[in-house]
N, C-alpha and C. Protein backbone atom coordinates (compact mmCIF):
# COMPACT_ATOMS: atom_id res chain seq x y z
N UNK A 1 -42.59 -13.72 -0.28
CA UNK A 1 -41.25 -13.77 -0.87
C UNK A 1 -40.69 -12.36 -0.87
N UNK A 2 -39.50 -12.20 -0.37
CA UNK A 2 -38.92 -10.86 -0.32
C UNK A 2 -37.80 -10.74 -1.37
N UNK A 3 -37.69 -9.53 -1.92
CA UNK A 3 -36.70 -9.25 -2.94
C UNK A 3 -35.69 -8.30 -2.30
N UNK A 4 -34.39 -8.54 -2.61
CA UNK A 4 -33.36 -7.62 -2.11
C UNK A 4 -33.59 -6.24 -2.69
N UNK A 5 -33.38 -5.27 -1.84
CA UNK A 5 -33.57 -3.88 -2.31
C UNK A 5 -32.31 -3.37 -3.04
N UNK A 6 -32.41 -2.19 -3.58
CA UNK A 6 -31.30 -1.66 -4.35
C UNK A 6 -30.06 -1.37 -3.49
N UNK A 7 -30.25 -1.00 -2.25
CA UNK A 7 -29.13 -0.72 -1.34
C UNK A 7 -28.28 -1.99 -1.14
N UNK A 8 -28.96 -3.15 -0.97
CA UNK A 8 -28.22 -4.36 -0.77
C UNK A 8 -27.46 -4.74 -2.03
N UNK A 9 -28.08 -4.56 -3.19
CA UNK A 9 -27.41 -4.85 -4.45
C UNK A 9 -26.19 -3.95 -4.64
N UNK A 10 -26.32 -2.66 -4.35
CA UNK A 10 -25.22 -1.72 -4.49
C UNK A 10 -24.12 -2.06 -3.54
N UNK A 11 -24.45 -2.51 -2.32
CA UNK A 11 -23.47 -2.85 -1.33
C UNK A 11 -22.68 -4.09 -1.78
N UNK A 12 -23.38 -5.07 -2.34
CA UNK A 12 -22.72 -6.28 -2.82
C UNK A 12 -21.80 -5.95 -3.98
N UNK A 13 -22.22 -5.08 -4.90
CA UNK A 13 -21.35 -4.67 -6.00
C UNK A 13 -20.12 -3.92 -5.53
N UNK A 14 -20.27 -3.10 -4.55
CA UNK A 14 -19.13 -2.40 -3.99
C UNK A 14 -18.14 -3.35 -3.39
N UNK A 15 -18.64 -4.36 -2.65
CA UNK A 15 -17.73 -5.34 -2.05
C UNK A 15 -16.98 -6.12 -3.11
N UNK A 16 -17.67 -6.47 -4.19
CA UNK A 16 -17.03 -7.22 -5.28
C UNK A 16 -15.95 -6.38 -5.94
N UNK A 17 -16.25 -5.07 -6.17
CA UNK A 17 -15.29 -4.15 -6.81
C UNK A 17 -14.06 -3.97 -5.90
N UNK A 18 -14.32 -3.82 -4.61
CA UNK A 18 -13.16 -3.67 -3.67
C UNK A 18 -12.30 -4.91 -3.65
N UNK A 19 -12.91 -6.10 -3.68
CA UNK A 19 -12.13 -7.33 -3.68
C UNK A 19 -11.32 -7.46 -4.99
N UNK A 20 -11.92 -7.07 -6.10
CA UNK A 20 -11.16 -7.11 -7.38
C UNK A 20 -9.98 -6.16 -7.36
N UNK A 21 -10.22 -4.92 -6.85
CA UNK A 21 -9.12 -3.93 -6.78
C UNK A 21 -7.99 -4.46 -5.87
N UNK A 22 -8.38 -5.06 -4.77
CA UNK A 22 -7.36 -5.56 -3.81
C UNK A 22 -6.55 -6.70 -4.48
N UNK A 23 -7.23 -7.55 -5.23
CA UNK A 23 -6.56 -8.65 -5.89
C UNK A 23 -5.60 -8.12 -6.97
N UNK A 24 -6.01 -7.12 -7.74
CA UNK A 24 -5.15 -6.55 -8.77
C UNK A 24 -3.94 -5.86 -8.13
N UNK A 25 -4.18 -5.13 -7.05
CA UNK A 25 -3.10 -4.47 -6.35
C UNK A 25 -2.08 -5.50 -5.82
N UNK A 26 -2.55 -6.54 -5.21
CA UNK A 26 -1.69 -7.58 -4.70
C UNK A 26 -0.89 -8.24 -5.81
N UNK A 27 -1.50 -8.48 -6.94
CA UNK A 27 -0.84 -9.11 -8.11
C UNK A 27 0.29 -8.18 -8.64
N UNK A 28 0.01 -6.91 -8.72
CA UNK A 28 1.04 -5.97 -9.25
C UNK A 28 2.20 -5.94 -8.26
N UNK A 29 1.93 -5.89 -6.92
CA UNK A 29 2.97 -5.79 -5.94
C UNK A 29 3.84 -7.06 -5.93
N UNK A 30 3.19 -8.23 -6.18
CA UNK A 30 3.97 -9.47 -6.21
C UNK A 30 4.92 -9.46 -7.40
N UNK A 31 4.50 -8.84 -8.51
CA UNK A 31 5.37 -8.79 -9.69
C UNK A 31 6.53 -7.83 -9.52
N UNK A 32 6.35 -6.68 -8.84
CA UNK A 32 7.41 -5.68 -8.81
C UNK A 32 8.29 -5.72 -7.59
N UNK A 33 7.92 -6.47 -6.55
CA UNK A 33 8.73 -6.53 -5.34
C UNK A 33 9.41 -7.90 -5.20
N UNK A 34 10.66 -7.87 -4.75
CA UNK A 34 11.35 -9.11 -4.45
C UNK A 34 10.72 -9.69 -3.18
N UNK A 35 10.92 -10.99 -2.92
CA UNK A 35 10.37 -11.58 -1.69
C UNK A 35 10.75 -10.84 -0.42
N UNK A 36 12.01 -10.44 -0.34
CA UNK A 36 12.46 -9.70 0.85
C UNK A 36 11.74 -8.37 0.99
N UNK A 37 11.55 -7.67 -0.08
CA UNK A 37 10.86 -6.37 -0.07
C UNK A 37 9.40 -6.57 0.29
N UNK A 38 8.77 -7.65 -0.23
CA UNK A 38 7.38 -7.91 0.14
C UNK A 38 7.22 -8.27 1.59
N UNK A 39 8.19 -9.03 2.15
CA UNK A 39 8.15 -9.34 3.58
C UNK A 39 8.24 -8.04 4.41
N UNK A 40 9.16 -7.15 4.03
CA UNK A 40 9.33 -5.90 4.76
C UNK A 40 7.99 -5.07 4.72
N UNK A 41 7.40 -5.01 3.55
CA UNK A 41 6.19 -4.24 3.43
C UNK A 41 5.05 -4.86 4.23
N UNK A 42 4.98 -6.18 4.28
CA UNK A 42 3.98 -6.85 5.09
C UNK A 42 4.22 -6.65 6.58
N UNK A 43 5.47 -6.61 7.00
CA UNK A 43 5.79 -6.33 8.41
C UNK A 43 5.39 -4.89 8.77
N UNK A 44 5.64 -3.98 7.87
CA UNK A 44 5.28 -2.56 8.13
C UNK A 44 3.76 -2.44 8.16
N UNK A 45 3.08 -3.22 7.37
CA UNK A 45 1.60 -3.14 7.32
C UNK A 45 0.98 -3.45 8.70
N UNK A 46 1.63 -4.33 9.46
CA UNK A 46 1.11 -4.68 10.79
C UNK A 46 1.20 -3.53 11.75
N UNK A 47 2.15 -2.61 11.54
CA UNK A 47 2.35 -1.51 12.48
C UNK A 47 1.79 -0.20 11.94
N UNK A 48 2.08 0.10 10.71
CA UNK A 48 1.69 1.40 10.10
C UNK A 48 0.93 1.17 8.78
N UNK A 49 -0.35 0.96 8.88
CA UNK A 49 -1.15 0.66 7.68
C UNK A 49 -1.21 1.86 6.75
N UNK A 50 -1.25 3.07 7.29
CA UNK A 50 -1.34 4.26 6.48
C UNK A 50 -0.08 4.41 5.64
N UNK A 51 1.07 4.19 6.19
CA UNK A 51 2.33 4.24 5.48
C UNK A 51 2.39 3.17 4.41
N UNK A 52 1.95 2.02 4.73
CA UNK A 52 1.97 0.92 3.74
C UNK A 52 1.01 1.24 2.56
N UNK A 53 -0.11 1.81 2.83
CA UNK A 53 -1.01 2.20 1.77
C UNK A 53 -0.38 3.25 0.89
N UNK A 54 0.27 4.21 1.49
CA UNK A 54 0.94 5.28 0.75
C UNK A 54 2.01 4.70 -0.15
N UNK A 55 2.82 3.77 0.36
CA UNK A 55 3.92 3.17 -0.40
C UNK A 55 3.32 2.34 -1.53
N UNK A 56 2.31 1.53 -1.25
CA UNK A 56 1.70 0.71 -2.29
C UNK A 56 1.15 1.54 -3.41
N UNK A 57 0.44 2.61 -3.09
CA UNK A 57 -0.13 3.50 -4.10
C UNK A 57 0.98 4.16 -4.93
N UNK A 58 2.07 4.54 -4.25
CA UNK A 58 3.19 5.15 -4.93
C UNK A 58 3.82 4.20 -5.92
N UNK A 59 4.02 2.95 -5.48
CA UNK A 59 4.61 1.94 -6.33
C UNK A 59 3.73 1.61 -7.53
N UNK A 60 2.45 1.51 -7.34
CA UNK A 60 1.52 1.21 -8.41
C UNK A 60 1.49 2.39 -9.37
N UNK A 61 1.59 3.60 -8.85
CA UNK A 61 1.64 4.77 -9.69
C UNK A 61 2.88 4.77 -10.59
N UNK A 62 4.00 4.38 -9.99
CA UNK A 62 5.24 4.28 -10.79
C UNK A 62 5.13 3.24 -11.89
N UNK A 63 4.50 2.13 -11.56
CA UNK A 63 4.32 1.06 -12.56
C UNK A 63 3.45 1.54 -13.68
N UNK A 64 2.34 2.19 -13.37
CA UNK A 64 1.42 2.64 -14.42
C UNK A 64 2.07 3.73 -15.30
N UNK A 65 3.00 4.46 -14.76
CA UNK A 65 3.70 5.50 -15.53
C UNK A 65 4.87 4.91 -16.32
N UNK A 66 5.18 3.64 -16.06
CA UNK A 66 6.27 2.97 -16.79
C UNK A 66 7.65 3.33 -16.25
N UNK A 67 7.72 3.74 -15.03
CA UNK A 67 9.01 4.17 -14.48
C UNK A 67 9.73 3.00 -13.76
N UNK A 68 9.08 1.88 -13.62
CA UNK A 68 9.68 0.69 -12.99
C UNK A 68 9.85 -0.34 -14.05
N UNK A 69 11.09 -0.77 -14.32
CA UNK A 69 11.38 -1.79 -15.31
C UNK A 69 11.81 -3.08 -14.73
N UNK A 70 12.29 -3.08 -13.48
CA UNK A 70 12.75 -4.32 -12.85
C UNK A 70 12.14 -4.41 -11.45
N UNK A 71 12.40 -5.52 -10.80
CA UNK A 71 11.86 -5.70 -9.45
C UNK A 71 12.56 -4.78 -8.47
N UNK A 72 11.81 -4.34 -7.47
CA UNK A 72 12.36 -3.47 -6.44
C UNK A 72 12.88 -4.35 -5.31
N UNK A 73 14.16 -4.08 -4.98
CA UNK A 73 14.83 -4.86 -3.91
C UNK A 73 14.47 -4.27 -2.56
N UNK A 74 14.89 -4.98 -1.55
CA UNK A 74 14.64 -4.56 -0.15
C UNK A 74 15.35 -3.21 0.10
N UNK A 75 16.53 -3.04 -0.39
CA UNK A 75 17.28 -1.75 -0.18
C UNK A 75 16.54 -0.63 -0.91
N UNK A 76 16.07 -0.84 -2.12
CA UNK A 76 15.32 0.21 -2.82
C UNK A 76 14.02 0.55 -2.08
N UNK A 77 13.36 -0.46 -1.52
CA UNK A 77 12.15 -0.24 -0.80
C UNK A 77 12.44 0.58 0.48
N UNK A 78 13.58 0.32 1.13
CA UNK A 78 14.01 1.12 2.28
C UNK A 78 14.11 2.60 1.91
N UNK A 79 14.72 2.88 0.75
CA UNK A 79 14.90 4.26 0.34
C UNK A 79 13.56 4.89 0.04
N UNK A 80 12.65 4.15 -0.60
CA UNK A 80 11.32 4.68 -0.85
C UNK A 80 10.60 4.97 0.48
N UNK A 81 10.72 4.10 1.43
CA UNK A 81 10.08 4.31 2.73
C UNK A 81 10.62 5.56 3.41
N UNK A 82 11.94 5.72 3.35
CA UNK A 82 12.53 6.90 4.02
C UNK A 82 12.09 8.18 3.28
N UNK A 83 11.93 8.14 1.98
CA UNK A 83 11.54 9.36 1.29
C UNK A 83 10.07 9.70 1.51
N UNK A 84 9.24 8.71 1.76
CA UNK A 84 7.81 8.96 1.92
C UNK A 84 7.38 9.24 3.40
N UNK A 85 8.23 8.85 4.34
CA UNK A 85 7.86 9.03 5.73
C UNK A 85 7.94 10.51 6.14
N UNK A 86 7.07 10.89 7.03
CA UNK A 86 7.08 12.22 7.55
C UNK A 86 8.30 12.39 8.45
N UNK A 87 8.96 13.54 8.34
CA UNK A 87 10.14 13.72 9.26
C UNK A 87 9.71 13.82 10.69
N UNK A 88 10.47 13.24 11.56
CA UNK A 88 10.17 13.25 12.96
C UNK A 88 10.53 14.59 13.55
N UNK A 89 9.75 15.06 14.44
CA UNK A 89 10.05 16.33 15.11
C UNK A 89 10.76 16.12 16.41
N UNK A 90 11.77 16.84 16.61
CA UNK A 90 12.51 16.78 17.85
C UNK A 90 12.14 17.94 18.74
N UNK A 91 11.86 17.62 19.98
CA UNK A 91 11.56 18.65 20.94
C UNK A 91 12.65 18.71 21.98
N UNK A 92 13.04 19.92 22.31
CA UNK A 92 14.10 20.09 23.26
C UNK A 92 13.47 20.87 24.44
N UNK A 93 13.53 20.26 25.57
CA UNK A 93 12.99 20.87 26.78
C UNK A 93 14.15 21.28 27.65
N UNK A 94 14.16 22.54 28.01
CA UNK A 94 15.21 23.02 28.92
C UNK A 94 14.54 23.38 30.26
N UNK A 95 15.16 22.93 31.30
CA UNK A 95 14.64 23.17 32.63
C UNK A 95 15.56 24.19 33.34
N UNK A 96 14.95 25.03 34.09
CA UNK A 96 15.74 26.04 34.73
C UNK A 96 15.64 25.86 36.25
């Protein structure tokens, strides 16, 4: 009879904790985002997961600080996205 070792137990606990955190995060986002804003964020998640993570963490931070009192609309989410995105760099190439 074999017993699971401590590494396997720790790994299972980490997976459970990560699943709980993801569920809490999703619950908070459902409460503070309108359906249109949630759709936009899900669409962005397919293309830019790092930006989506940044926005989600920012929104959850605002909620925990008590700075969000109502649901965030699609237009408000657009403004948040614009403020958090890195500015694009323009390169100008001149040929002689």
